[in-house]
Amino acid sequence: MPRSKTVHIPRPVYPVQAVTSWDDLPVICTCADVARLFSCTPEKIQRMAAKSELPAFRLGPEWRFRREDISAYIENQVKKAV
């Protein structure tokens, strides 16, 4: 019996809205929210959370981030770079 070929369907591309102020982010953020802020993919944010590089907590199977923790993380990274 011949094997069928695997068809790869590209993921849809959604428009990404830029974060212009902290008020654009909810108090409890998802990976997608933080990814918009960092201009990267949600998958990268998930990996950073899993490695404890970003302060996060799990809500069921999903990672969540407090806006204050992300702000403190960014401030800490800026201090390290200076």
PDB file of N, CA and C in Angstrom:
ATOM      1  N   MET A   1       0.849  -1.177   0.000  1.00  0.00           N
ATOM      2  CA  MET A   1       0.000   0.000   0.000  1.00  0.00           C
ATOM      3  C   MET A   1       0.892   1.237   0.000  1.00  0.00           C
ATOM      4  N   PRO A   2       0.737   2.153  -0.947  1.00  0.00           N
ATOM      5  CA  PRO A   2       1.586   3.352  -1.000  1.00  0.00           C
ATOM      6  C   PRO A   2       1.268   4.303   0.151  1.00  0.00           C
ATOM      7  N   ARG A   3       2.307   4.936   0.639  1.00  0.00           N
ATOM      8  CA  ARG A   3       2.152   5.903   1.720  1.00  0.00           C
ATOM      9  C   ARG A   3       1.754   7.257   1.143  1.00  0.00           C
ATOM     10  N   SER A   4       0.879   7.920   1.826  1.00  0.00           N
ATOM     11  CA  SER A   4       0.485   9.248   1.365  1.00  0.00           C
ATOM     12  C   SER A   4       1.527  10.263   1.812  1.00  0.00           C
ATOM     13  N   LYS A   5       1.707  11.279   1.029  1.00  0.00           N
ATOM     14  CA  LYS A   5       2.658  12.330   1.355  1.00  0.00           C
ATOM     15  C   LYS A   5       2.062  13.257   2.408  1.00  0.00           C
ATOM     16  N   THR A   6       2.930  13.733   3.293  1.00  0.00           N
ATOM     17  CA  THR A   6       2.502  14.674   4.307  1.00  0.00           C
ATOM     18  C   THR A   6       2.409  16.058   3.691  1.00  0.00           C
ATOM     19  N   VAL A   7       1.296  16.681   3.901  1.00  0.00           N
ATOM     20  CA  VAL A   7       1.085  18.029   3.381  1.00  0.00           C
ATOM     21  C   VAL A   7       1.280  19.003   4.536  1.00  0.00           C
ATOM     22  N   HIS A   8       2.173  19.953   4.366  1.00  0.00           N
ATOM     23  CA  HIS A   8       2.420  20.969   5.381  1.00  0.00           C
ATOM     24  C   HIS A   8       1.602  22.208   5.050  1.00  0.00           C
ATOM     25  N   ILE A   9       0.755  22.555   5.979  1.00  0.00           N
ATOM     26  CA  ILE A   9      -0.075  23.741   5.805  1.00  0.00           C
ATOM     27  C   ILE A   9       0.561  24.869   6.600  1.00  0.00           C
ATOM     28  N   PRO A  10       0.865  25.995   5.971  1.00  0.00           N
ATOM     29  CA  PRO A  10       1.495  27.097   6.712  1.00  0.00           C
ATOM     30  C   PRO A  10       0.565  27.650   7.777  1.00  0.00           C
ATOM     31  N   ARG A  11       1.175  28.082   8.873  1.00  0.00           N
ATOM     32  CA  ARG A  11       0.406  28.699   9.950  1.00  0.00           C
ATOM     33  C   ARG A  11      -0.090  30.056   9.494  1.00  0.00           C
ATOM     34  N   PRO A  12      -1.303  30.419   9.887  1.00  0.00           N
ATOM     35  CA  PRO A  12      -1.807  31.742   9.494  1.00  0.00           C
ATOM     36  C   PRO A  12      -1.003  32.845  10.175  1.00  0.00           C
ATOM     37  N   VAL A  13      -0.833  33.920   9.480  1.00  0.00           N
ATOM     38  CA  VAL A  13      -0.107  35.064  10.010  1.00  0.00           C
ATOM     39  C   VAL A  13      -1.141  36.098  10.435  1.00  0.00           C
ATOM     40  N   TYR A  14      -1.119  36.413  11.719  1.00  0.00           N
ATOM     41  CA  TYR A  14      -2.048  37.387  12.258  1.00  0.00           C
ATOM     42  C   TYR A  14      -1.329  38.720  12.406  1.00  0.00           C
ATOM     43  N   PRO A  15      -2.030  39.815  12.190  1.00  0.00           N
ATOM     44  CA  PRO A  15      -1.381  41.111  12.403  1.00  0.00           C
ATOM     45  C   PRO A  15      -1.023  41.280  13.876  1.00  0.00           C
ATOM     46  N   VAL A  16       0.185  41.724  14.121  1.00  0.00           N
ATOM     47  CA  VAL A  16       0.659  41.921  15.485  1.00  0.00           C
ATOM     48  C   VAL A  16       0.593  43.404  15.804  1.00  0.00           C
ATOM     49  N   GLN A  17      -0.116  43.725  16.861  1.00  0.00           N
ATOM     50  CA  GLN A  17      -0.217  45.118  17.266  1.00  0.00           C
ATOM     51  C   GLN A  17       0.941  45.431  18.204  1.00  0.00           C
ATOM     52  N   ALA A  18       1.580  46.547  17.963  1.00  0.00           N
ATOM     53  CA  ALA A  18       2.704  46.950  18.802  1.00  0.00           C
ATOM     54  C   ALA A  18       2.200  47.397  20.166  1.00  0.00           C
ATOM     55  N   VAL A  19       3.040  47.203  21.156  1.00  0.00           N
ATOM     56  CA  VAL A  19       2.739  47.685  22.500  1.00  0.00           C
ATOM     57  C   VAL A  19       3.339  49.076  22.606  1.00  0.00           C
ATOM     58  N   THR A  20       2.491  50.069  22.802  1.00  0.00           N
ATOM     59  CA  THR A  20       2.990  51.446  22.850  1.00  0.00           C
ATOM     60  C   THR A  20       3.097  51.974  24.272  1.00  0.00           C
ATOM     61  N   SER A  21       2.405  51.339  25.215  1.00  0.00           N
ATOM     62  CA  SER A  21       2.514  51.743  26.615  1.00  0.00           C
ATOM     63  C   SER A  21       2.184  50.543  27.496  1.00  0.00           C
ATOM     64  N   TRP A  22       2.541  50.667  28.773  1.00  0.00           N
ATOM     65  CA  TRP A  22       2.254  49.577  29.714  1.00  0.00           C
ATOM     66  C   TRP A  22       0.759  49.372  29.847  1.00  0.00           C
ATOM     67  N   ASP A  23      -0.029  50.404  29.605  1.00  0.00           N
ATOM     68  CA  ASP A  23      -1.481  50.275  29.712  1.00  0.00           C
ATOM     69  C   ASP A  23      -2.057  49.388  28.617  1.00  0.00           C
ATOM     70  N   ASP A  24      -1.272  49.140  27.557  1.00  0.00           N
ATOM     71  CA  ASP A  24      -1.721  48.237  26.493  1.00  0.00           C
ATOM     72  C   ASP A  24      -1.707  46.783  26.955  1.00  0.00           C
ATOM     73  N   LEU A  25      -0.942  46.496  28.009  1.00  0.00           N
ATOM     74  CA  LEU A  25      -0.841  45.131  28.517  1.00  0.00           C
ATOM     75  C   LEU A  25      -1.809  44.923  29.671  1.00  0.00           C
ATOM     76  N   PRO A  26      -2.426  43.744  29.738  1.00  0.00           N
ATOM     77  CA  PRO A  26      -3.265  43.459  30.902  1.00  0.00           C
ATOM     78  C   PRO A  26      -2.397  43.231  32.140  1.00  0.00           C
ATOM     79  N   VAL A  27      -3.014  43.244  33.304  1.00  0.00           N
ATOM     80  CA  VAL A  27      -2.265  43.029  34.550  1.00  0.00           C
ATOM     81  C   VAL A  27      -1.650  41.630  34.560  1.00  0.00           C
ATOM     82  N   ILE A  28      -2.397  40.642  34.098  1.00  0.00           N
ATOM     83  CA  ILE A  28      -1.886  39.281  33.939  1.00  0.00           C
ATOM     84  C   ILE A  28      -1.794  39.024  32.445  1.00  0.00           C
ATOM     85  N   CYS A  29      -0.588  38.790  31.948  1.00  0.00           N
ATOM     86  CA  CYS A  29      -0.331  38.669  30.517  1.00  0.00           C
ATOM     87  C   CYS A  29      -0.195  37.213  30.092  1.00  0.00           C
ATOM     88  N   THR A  30      -0.504  36.961  28.842  1.00  0.00           N
ATOM     89  CA  THR A  30      -0.276  35.655  28.236  1.00  0.00           C
ATOM     90  C   THR A  30       1.068  35.675  27.514  1.00  0.00           C
ATOM     91  N   CYS A  31       1.462  34.536  26.998  1.00  0.00           N
ATOM     92  CA  CYS A  31       2.702  34.479  26.215  1.00  0.00           C
ATOM     93  C   CYS A  31       2.614  35.389  24.992  1.00  0.00           C
ATOM     94  N   ALA A  32       1.449  35.445  24.384  1.00  0.00           N
ATOM     95  CA  ALA A  32       1.272  36.298  23.201  1.00  0.00           C
ATOM     96  C   ALA A  32       1.437  37.774  23.558  1.00  0.00           C
ATOM     97  N   ASP A  33       0.934  38.170  24.716  1.00  0.00           N
ATOM     98  CA  ASP A  33       1.076  39.569  25.145  1.00  0.00           C
ATOM     99  C   ASP A  33       2.546  39.928  25.342  1.00  0.00           C
ATOM    100  N   VAL A  34       3.283  39.062  26.034  1.00  0.00           N
ATOM    101  CA  VAL A  34       4.695  39.330  26.301  1.00  0.00           C
ATOM    102  C   VAL A  34       5.500  39.256  25.004  1.00  0.00           C
ATOM    103  N   ALA A  35       5.120  38.362  24.113  1.00  0.00           N
ATOM    104  CA  ALA A  35       5.803  38.257  22.818  1.00  0.00           C
ATOM    105  C   ALA A  35       5.641  39.546  22.018  1.00  0.00           C
ATOM    106  N   ARG A  36       4.466  40.159  22.083  1.00  0.00           N
ATOM    107  CA  ARG A  36       4.272  41.455  21.406  1.00  0.00           C
ATOM    108  C   ARG A  36       5.208  42.499  21.980  1.00  0.00           C
ATOM    109  N   LEU A  37       5.353  42.481  23.292  1.00  0.00           N
ATOM    110  CA  LEU A  37       6.221  43.456  23.952  1.00  0.00           C
ATOM    111  C   LEU A  37       7.684  43.249  23.556  1.00  0.00           C
ATOM    112  N   PHE A  38       8.111  41.998  23.506  1.00  0.00           N
ATOM    113  CA  PHE A  38       9.509  41.673  23.204  1.00  0.00           C
ATOM    114  C   PHE A  38       9.784  41.512  21.710  1.00  0.00           C
ATOM    115  N   SER A  39       8.765  41.619  20.885  1.00  0.00           N
ATOM    116  CA  SER A  39       8.882  41.435  19.427  1.00  0.00           C
ATOM    117  C   SER A  39       9.515  40.085  19.086  1.00  0.00           C
ATOM    118  N   CYS A  40       8.939  39.041  19.642  1.00  0.00           N
ATOM    119  CA  CYS A  40       9.392  37.686  19.339  1.00  0.00           C
ATOM    120  C   CYS A  40       8.168  36.779  19.286  1.00  0.00           C
ATOM    121  N   THR A  41       8.393  35.482  19.208  1.00  0.00           N
ATOM    122  CA  THR A  41       7.280  34.540  19.120  1.00  0.00           C
ATOM    123  C   THR A  41       6.814  34.108  20.506  1.00  0.00           C
ATOM    124  N   PRO A  42       5.555  33.722  20.623  1.00  0.00           N
ATOM    125  CA  PRO A  42       5.070  33.188  21.898  1.00  0.00           C
ATOM    126  C   PRO A  42       5.826  31.925  22.327  1.00  0.00           C
ATOM    127  N   GLU A  43       6.278  31.149  21.358  1.00  0.00           N
ATOM    128  CA  GLU A  43       7.041  29.940  21.676  1.00  0.00           C
ATOM    129  C   GLU A  43       8.348  30.271  22.382  1.00  0.00           C
ATOM    130  N   LYS A  44       9.013  31.344  21.969  1.00  0.00           N
ATOM    131  CA  LYS A  44      10.247  31.771  22.636  1.00  0.00           C
ATOM    132  C   LYS A  44       9.946  32.193  24.076  1.00  0.00           C
ATOM    133  N   ILE A  45       8.841  32.886  24.284  1.00  0.00           N
ATOM    134  CA  ILE A  45       8.456  33.303  25.636  1.00  0.00           C
ATOM    135  C   ILE A  45       8.172  32.072  26.500  1.00  0.00           C
ATOM    136  N   GLN A  46       7.509  31.067  25.922  1.00  0.00           N
ATOM    137  CA  GLN A  46       7.249  29.825  26.661  1.00  0.00           C
ATOM    138  C   GLN A  46       8.553  29.149  27.069  1.00  0.00           C
ATOM    139  N   ARG A  47       9.512  29.110  26.165  1.00  0.00           N
ATOM    140  CA  ARG A  47      10.814  28.492  26.489  1.00  0.00           C
ATOM    141  C   ARG A  47      11.528  29.268  27.589  1.00  0.00           C
ATOM    142  N   MET A  48      11.480  30.605  27.523  1.00  0.00           N
ATOM    143  CA  MET A  48      12.123  31.423  28.552  1.00  0.00           C
ATOM    144  C   MET A  48      11.456  31.202  29.913  1.00  0.00           C
ATOM    145  N   ALA A  49      10.134  31.081  29.923  1.00  0.00           N
ATOM    146  CA  ALA A  49       9.416  30.829  31.180  1.00  0.00           C
ATOM    147  C   ALA A  49       9.759  29.446  31.725  1.00  0.00           C
ATOM    148  N   ALA A  50       9.822  28.459  30.854  1.00  0.00           N
ATOM    149  CA  ALA A  50      10.133  27.099  31.286  1.00  0.00           C
ATOM    150  C   ALA A  50      11.544  27.003  31.859  1.00  0.00           C
ATOM    151  N   LYS A  51      12.464  27.812  31.345  1.00  0.00           N
ATOM    152  CA  LYS A  51      13.848  27.821  31.840  1.00  0.00           C
ATOM    153  C   LYS A  51      14.029  28.772  33.021  1.00  0.00           C
ATOM    154  N   SER A  52      12.937  29.371  33.483  1.00  0.00           N
ATOM    155  CA  SER A  52      12.940  30.350  34.583  1.00  0.00           C
ATOM    156  C   SER A  52      13.758  31.594  34.252  1.00  0.00           C
ATOM    157  N   GLU A  53      13.889  31.910  32.982  1.00  0.00           N
ATOM    158  CA  GLU A  53      14.546  33.153  32.574  1.00  0.00           C
ATOM    159  C   GLU A  53      13.595  34.343  32.748  1.00  0.00           C
ATOM    160  N   LEU A  54      12.302  34.092  32.648  1.00  0.00           N
ATOM    161  CA  LEU A  54      11.280  35.111  32.857  1.00  0.00           C
ATOM    162  C   LEU A  54      10.438  34.708  34.062  1.00  0.00           C
ATOM    163  N   PRO A  55      10.077  35.662  34.922  1.00  0.00           N
ATOM    164  CA  PRO A  55       9.209  35.328  36.053  1.00  0.00           C
ATOM    165  C   PRO A  55       7.796  35.029  35.536  1.00  0.00           C
ATOM    166  N   ALA A  56       7.312  33.825  35.829  1.00  0.00           N
ATOM    167  CA  ALA A  56       6.014  33.409  35.315  1.00  0.00           C
ATOM    168  C   ALA A  56       5.389  32.383  36.249  1.00  0.00           C
ATOM    169  N   PHE A  57       4.125  32.127  36.022  1.00  0.00           N
ATOM    170  CA  PHE A  57       3.445  31.050  36.728  1.00  0.00           C
ATOM    171  C   PHE A  57       2.520  30.346  35.747  1.00  0.00           C
ATOM    172  N   ARG A  58       2.153  29.145  36.104  1.00  0.00           N
ATOM    173  CA  ARG A  58       1.296  28.372  35.223  1.00  0.00           C
ATOM    174  C   ARG A  58      -0.147  28.463  35.686  1.00  0.00           C
ATOM    175  N   LEU A  59      -1.020  28.622  34.738  1.00  0.00           N
ATOM    176  CA  LEU A  59      -2.449  28.588  34.974  1.00  0.00           C
ATOM    177  C   LEU A  59      -2.974  27.475  34.076  1.00  0.00           C
ATOM    178  N   GLY A  60      -3.091  26.297  34.651  1.00  0.00           N
ATOM    179  CA  GLY A  60      -3.404  25.119  33.848  1.00  0.00           C
ATOM    180  C   GLY A  60      -2.201  24.812  32.971  1.00  0.00           C
ATOM    181  N   PRO A  61      -2.403  24.587  31.696  1.00  0.00           N
ATOM    182  CA  PRO A  61      -1.269  24.277  30.818  1.00  0.00           C
ATOM    183  C   PRO A  61      -0.537  25.509  30.276  1.00  0.00           C
ATOM    184  N   GLU A  62      -1.055  26.694  30.561  1.00  0.00           N
ATOM    185  CA  GLU A  62      -0.503  27.911  29.952  1.00  0.00           C
ATOM    186  C   GLU A  62       0.294  28.735  30.947  1.00  0.00           C
ATOM    187  N   TRP A  63       1.302  29.430  30.427  1.00  0.00           N
ATOM    188  CA  TRP A  63       2.109  30.344  31.232  1.00  0.00           C
ATOM    189  C   TRP A  63       1.406  31.686  31.315  1.00  0.00           C
ATOM    190  N   ARG A  64       1.524  32.321  32.486  1.00  0.00           N
ATOM    191  CA  ARG A  64       1.004  33.669  32.694  1.00  0.00           C
ATOM    192  C   ARG A  64       2.095  34.521  33.334  1.00  0.00           C
ATOM    193  N   PHE A  65       2.027  35.811  33.097  1.00  0.00           N
ATOM    194  CA  PHE A  65       3.060  36.735  33.548  1.00  0.00           C
ATOM    195  C   PHE A  65       2.394  37.947  34.184  1.00  0.00           C
ATOM    196  N   ARG A  66       2.890  38.374  35.331  1.00  0.00           N
ATOM    197  CA  ARG A  66       2.403  39.617  35.931  1.00  0.00           C
ATOM    198  C   ARG A  66       3.102  40.783  35.257  1.00  0.00           C
ATOM    199  N   ARG A  67       2.349  41.814  34.953  1.00  0.00           N
ATOM    200  CA  ARG A  67       2.906  42.987  34.272  1.00  0.00           C
ATOM    201  C   ARG A  67       4.046  43.596  35.079  1.00  0.00           C
ATOM    202  N   GLU A  68       3.910  43.653  36.423  1.00  0.00           N
ATOM    203  CA  GLU A  68       4.960  44.216  37.276  1.00  0.00           C
ATOM    204  C   GLU A  68       6.236  43.392  37.197  1.00  0.00           C
ATOM    205  N   ASP A  69       6.101  42.060  37.126  1.00  0.00           N
ATOM    206  CA  ASP A  69       7.277  41.191  37.034  1.00  0.00           C
ATOM    207  C   ASP A  69       8.020  41.391  35.713  1.00  0.00           C
ATOM    208  N   ILE A  70       7.263  41.562  34.631  1.00  0.00           N
ATOM    209  CA  ILE A  70       7.889  41.789  33.329  1.00  0.00           C
ATOM    210  C   ILE A  70       8.594  43.146  33.321  1.00  0.00           C
ATOM    211  N   SER A  71       7.973  44.157  33.927  1.00  0.00           N
ATOM    212  CA  SER A  71       8.603  45.468  34.029  1.00  0.00           C
ATOM    213  C   SER A  71       9.906  45.381  34.817  1.00  0.00           C
ATOM    214  N   ALA A  72       9.879  44.672  35.950  1.00  0.00           N
ATOM    215  CA  ALA A  72      11.090  44.513  36.761  1.00  0.00           C
ATOM    216  C   ALA A  72      12.160  43.729  36.005  1.00  0.00           C
ATOM    217  N   TYR A  73      11.748  42.726  35.235  1.00  0.00           N
ATOM    218  CA  TYR A  73      12.698  41.951  34.430  1.00  0.00           C
ATOM    219  C   TYR A  73      13.399  42.851  33.416  1.00  0.00           C
ATOM    220  N   ILE A  74      12.641  43.698  32.745  1.00  0.00           N
ATOM    221  CA  ILE A  74      13.222  44.600  31.752  1.00  0.00           C
ATOM    222  C   ILE A  74      14.183  45.582  32.419  1.00  0.00           C
ATOM    223  N   GLU A  75      13.779  46.149  33.554  1.00  0.00           N
ATOM    224  CA  GLU A  75      14.660  47.068  34.287  1.00  0.00           C
ATOM    225  C   GLU A  75      15.963  46.381  34.688  1.00  0.00           C
ATOM    226  N   ASN A  76      15.861  45.140  35.142  1.00  0.00           N
ATOM    227  CA  ASN A  76      17.044  44.374  35.534  1.00  0.00           C
ATOM    228  C   ASN A  76      17.960  44.126  34.337  1.00  0.00           C
ATOM    229  N   GLN A  77      17.376  43.817  33.185  1.00  0.00           N
ATOM    230  CA  GLN A  77      18.176  43.587  31.979  1.00  0.00           C
ATOM    231  C   GLN A  77      18.872  44.860  31.519  1.00  0.00           C
ATOM    232  N   VAL A  78      18.202  46.008  31.682  1.00  0.00           N
ATOM    233  CA  VAL A  78      18.811  47.284  31.310  1.00  0.00           C
ATOM    234  C   VAL A  78      19.984  47.587  32.221  1.00  0.00           C
ATOM    235  N   LYS A  79      19.831  47.333  33.529  1.00  0.00           N
ATOM    236  CA  LYS A  79      20.912  47.574  34.480  1.00  0.00           C
ATOM    237  C   LYS A  79      22.121  46.680  34.184  1.00  0.00           C
ATOM    238  N   LYS A  80      21.871  45.442  33.776  1.00  0.00           N
ATOM    239  CA  LYS A  80      22.965  44.533  33.435  1.00  0.00           C
ATOM    240  C   LYS A  80      23.731  45.010  32.201  1.00  0.00           C
ATOM    241  N   ALA A  81      23.002  45.605  31.245  1.00  0.00           N
ATOM    242  CA  ALA A  81      23.617  46.032  30.003  1.00  0.00           C
ATOM    243  C   ALA A  81      24.460  47.299  30.169  1.00  0.00           C
ATOM    244  N   VAL A  82      24.196  48.064  31.208  1.00  0.00           N
ATOM    245  CA  VAL A  82      24.902  49.340  31.393  1.00  0.00           C
ATOM    246  C   VAL A  82      26.195  49.130  32.118  1.00  0.00           C
TER     247      VAL A  82
END
